[in-house]
Protein backbone atom coordinates (compact mmCIF):
# COMPACT_ATOMS: atom_id res chain seq x y z
CA MET A 1 135.10 143.60 -41.62
CA GLN A 2 135.64 142.06 -38.29
CA GLN A 3 135.99 138.36 -38.02
CA ASN A 4 134.82 136.46 -35.01
CA TYR A 5 137.04 133.65 -34.14
CA PRO A 6 135.71 130.98 -31.93
CA VAL A 7 137.04 130.81 -28.46
CA PRO A 8 139.01 127.62 -28.36
CA GLY A 9 136.93 124.78 -26.83
CA LYS A 10 133.86 126.98 -26.10
CA HIS A 11 131.52 125.46 -28.69
CA ARG A 12 132.84 122.04 -28.02
CA ARG A 13 132.02 122.36 -24.30
CA GLU A 14 128.53 123.70 -25.07
CA GLY A 15 127.92 120.83 -27.49
CA ILE A 16 129.06 118.24 -24.99
CA ARG A 17 126.94 119.85 -22.24
CA ALA A 18 123.85 119.91 -24.50
CA GLY A 19 124.47 116.30 -25.55
CA LYS A 20 124.73 115.21 -21.91
CA GLN A 21 121.43 116.96 -21.14
CA ARG A 22 119.69 115.27 -24.07
CA ALA A 23 121.15 111.88 -23.08
CA GLY A 24 120.00 112.43 -19.49
CA ILE A 25 116.48 113.28 -20.65
CA LEU A 26 116.41 110.27 -23.01
CA LEU A 27 117.72 107.93 -20.29
CA GLY A 28 115.13 109.29 -17.83
CA PHE A 29 112.38 108.76 -20.42
CA LEU A 30 113.51 105.19 -21.11
CA LEU A 31 113.68 104.36 -17.41
CA ALA A 32 110.20 105.79 -16.84
CA THR A 33 108.64 103.81 -19.70
CA ALA A 34 110.65 100.58 -19.66
CA PRO A 35 108.77 97.65 -18.06
CA ALA A 36 110.34 96.12 -15.01
CA VAL A 37 111.53 92.60 -15.64
CA ALA A 38 111.64 90.01 -12.90
CA ASN A 39 112.57 86.40 -13.02
CA VAL A 40 110.49 84.42 -10.51
CA PRO A 41 110.03 80.65 -10.72
CA VAL A 42 106.48 79.28 -10.66
CA ASN A 43 105.86 75.86 -9.16
CA ILE A 44 102.61 74.12 -10.02
CA ARG A 45 101.53 71.11 -8.02
CA GLY A 46 98.46 68.90 -7.92
CA THR A 47 97.14 65.41 -7.53
CA ILE A 48 94.98 63.71 -10.10
CA ILE A 49 92.48 61.35 -8.57
CA LEU A 50 90.05 59.04 -10.24
CA PRO A 51 86.35 59.47 -9.64
CA PRO A 52 85.00 57.17 -6.97
CA PRO A 53 84.79 53.66 -8.40
CA CYS A 54 81.05 53.36 -7.80
CA ILE A 55 78.52 51.29 -9.64
CA ILE A 56 75.05 52.81 -9.44
CA ASN A 57 72.12 50.42 -9.87
CA ASN A 58 74.33 47.82 -11.59
CA ASN A 59 74.66 50.30 -14.49
CA GLN A 60 70.94 49.93 -15.22
CA THR A 61 68.39 52.73 -15.61
CA ILE A 62 66.68 53.71 -12.36
CA ARG A 63 62.91 53.75 -12.83
CA VAL A 64 60.26 55.45 -10.72
CA ASP A 65 56.71 54.46 -11.64
CA PHE A 66 53.88 56.60 -10.27
CA GLY A 67 51.37 54.21 -11.77
CA ASP A 68 48.27 54.82 -13.87
CA GLU A 69 46.06 56.43 -11.23
CA VAL A 70 47.61 59.84 -10.54
CA MET A 71 44.61 62.20 -10.38
CA THR A 72 45.27 65.68 -11.74
CA THR A 73 43.35 67.28 -8.88
CA ARG A 74 45.36 65.46 -6.18
CA VAL A 75 48.87 66.38 -7.40
CA ASP A 76 50.01 68.71 -4.63
CA GLY A 77 53.69 67.94 -3.93
CA VAL A 78 52.77 65.49 -1.15
CA ASN A 79 50.51 62.87 -2.69
CA TYR A 80 52.04 60.10 -4.79
CA LYS A 81 55.49 60.29 -3.14
CA GLN A 82 57.61 57.35 -4.33
CA ALA A 83 60.92 55.99 -3.05
CA ILE A 84 63.67 55.95 -5.67
CA SER A 85 64.94 52.41 -5.49
CA TYR A 86 68.57 51.93 -6.57
CA SER A 87 71.72 50.09 -5.56
CA LEU A 88 75.09 51.64 -4.83
CA ASN A 89 78.39 49.77 -4.67
CA CYS A 90 81.63 51.74 -4.25
CA GLU A 91 85.18 50.47 -3.83
CA ILE A 92 86.48 53.57 -2.07
CA GLN A 93 90.24 54.13 -2.11
CA LYS A 94 90.58 57.78 -1.13
CA SER A 95 87.72 58.79 1.17
CA ASN A 96 84.23 57.75 2.22
CA SER A 97 83.16 61.41 2.07
CA LEU A 98 81.11 61.57 -1.11
CA LYS A 99 78.62 63.91 -2.70
CA MET A 100 75.63 63.22 -4.93
CA SER A 101 73.72 65.27 -7.46
CA ILE A 102 70.70 64.67 -9.63
CA GLN A 103 71.25 66.54 -12.90
CA GLY A 104 68.43 67.43 -15.26
CA SER A 105 66.33 70.18 -16.81
CA PRO A 106 64.42 72.41 -14.40
CA THR A 107 60.76 73.34 -14.85
CA SER A 108 59.92 76.80 -16.15
CA PHE A 109 57.97 77.57 -12.98
CA ASN A 110 60.46 76.34 -10.33
CA SER A 111 64.19 75.89 -10.98
CA GLY A 112 64.47 73.34 -8.16
CA LEU A 113 62.05 70.88 -9.77
CA LEU A 114 62.83 68.38 -12.51
CA SER A 115 60.86 69.11 -15.68
CA THR A 116 58.52 66.63 -17.27
CA ASN A 117 56.99 66.45 -20.74
CA LYS A 118 53.96 68.36 -19.30
CA ASP A 119 54.48 72.13 -18.97
CA ASP A 120 52.65 72.52 -15.65
CA LEU A 121 54.07 69.40 -13.97
CA GLY A 122 57.45 68.90 -12.30
CA ILE A 123 59.07 66.35 -10.01
CA ALA A 124 60.35 67.31 -6.55
CA LEU A 125 63.28 65.21 -5.33
CA TYR A 126 64.05 64.50 -1.68
CA TYR A 127 67.04 63.20 0.27
CA GLU A 128 65.25 61.64 3.24
CA THR A 129 63.03 64.57 4.39
CA GLN A 130 65.03 67.40 2.79
CA GLN A 131 63.89 68.67 -0.60
CA LEU A 132 66.73 68.81 -3.11
CA ASN A 133 67.27 71.25 -5.92
CA ILE A 134 68.22 69.55 -9.14
CA ASN A 135 71.73 70.27 -10.43
CA THR A 136 73.12 70.86 -6.92
CA TRP A 137 75.27 68.60 -4.75
CA PHE A 138 74.65 67.23 -1.27
CA ASN A 139 77.18 65.45 0.92
CA TYR A 140 76.95 62.00 2.48
CA THR A 141 79.27 59.33 3.88
CA TYR A 142 79.61 55.96 2.22
CA PRO A 143 78.61 53.15 2.93
CA ASN A 144 75.42 54.94 3.99
CA GLN A 145 73.27 55.11 0.88
CA PRO A 146 71.13 58.23 0.51
CA VAL A 147 67.42 57.48 0.68
CA LEU A 148 65.82 59.37 -2.22
CA TYR A 149 62.20 60.16 -3.06
CA ALA A 150 60.30 61.69 -5.99
CA VAL A 151 56.92 63.38 -5.88
CA PRO A 152 54.90 65.10 -8.64
CA VAL A 153 54.24 68.84 -8.23
CA LYS A 154 52.00 71.02 -10.38
CA ARG A 155 52.37 74.72 -11.10
CA GLY A 156 50.29 76.77 -8.66
CA GLY A 157 46.85 77.46 -10.09
CA ALA A 158 47.37 75.17 -13.10
CA ASN A 159 44.84 72.65 -14.35
CA LEU A 160 46.75 69.57 -15.43
CA THR A 161 45.70 67.68 -18.52
CA GLY A 162 45.41 63.91 -18.42
CA GLY A 163 47.87 61.57 -20.04
CA GLU A 164 51.20 59.91 -19.49
CA PHE A 165 54.13 61.99 -18.21
CA THR A 166 57.85 61.34 -18.26
CA ALA A 167 61.01 62.94 -16.88
CA SER A 168 64.67 62.01 -17.00
CA ALA A 169 67.77 62.91 -15.00
CA THR A 170 71.29 61.67 -14.29
CA LEU A 171 72.51 60.59 -10.86
CA LEU A 172 76.14 61.61 -10.20
CA ILE A 173 78.53 60.68 -7.39
CA ASP A 174 81.89 62.30 -6.67
CA TYR A 175 84.33 62.91 -3.82
CA GLN A 176 83.58 65.86 -1.54
């Protein structure tokens, strides 16, 4: 029987070589899958400002009364136009560039009109001669006070029923 004796250092060298190859593959795998880490500072800056210190209509409800003689057949978006009478007093600190919005529920037949308690009747709002869409902002410069109007509008082709109608909205002012 012939015995094979290991060549001195041969297996050891092969083992070391194989270990280095496995370590190289493992290191390559770790480098390929390890997330890159960076350390970057983040600076956050801002200025908190107070809303414009305005008093609208002496903190009283603004009322628009179309009266008791609005005829259902004459509601056409022109007739019965009423000025919205209100007062505005602002102690501006930051800027006279302001914006205004009238917030409320839109009608089902026109999203720019303010809804009323009557399904086929809405209220169009105007800033001077320009029709406004509710829930949108328009710009103006204080101390000029926006001249606002309201006018009843019926759904096209609708026959309005008689009776009292109401609508409500909120007037907002903010910096531009």
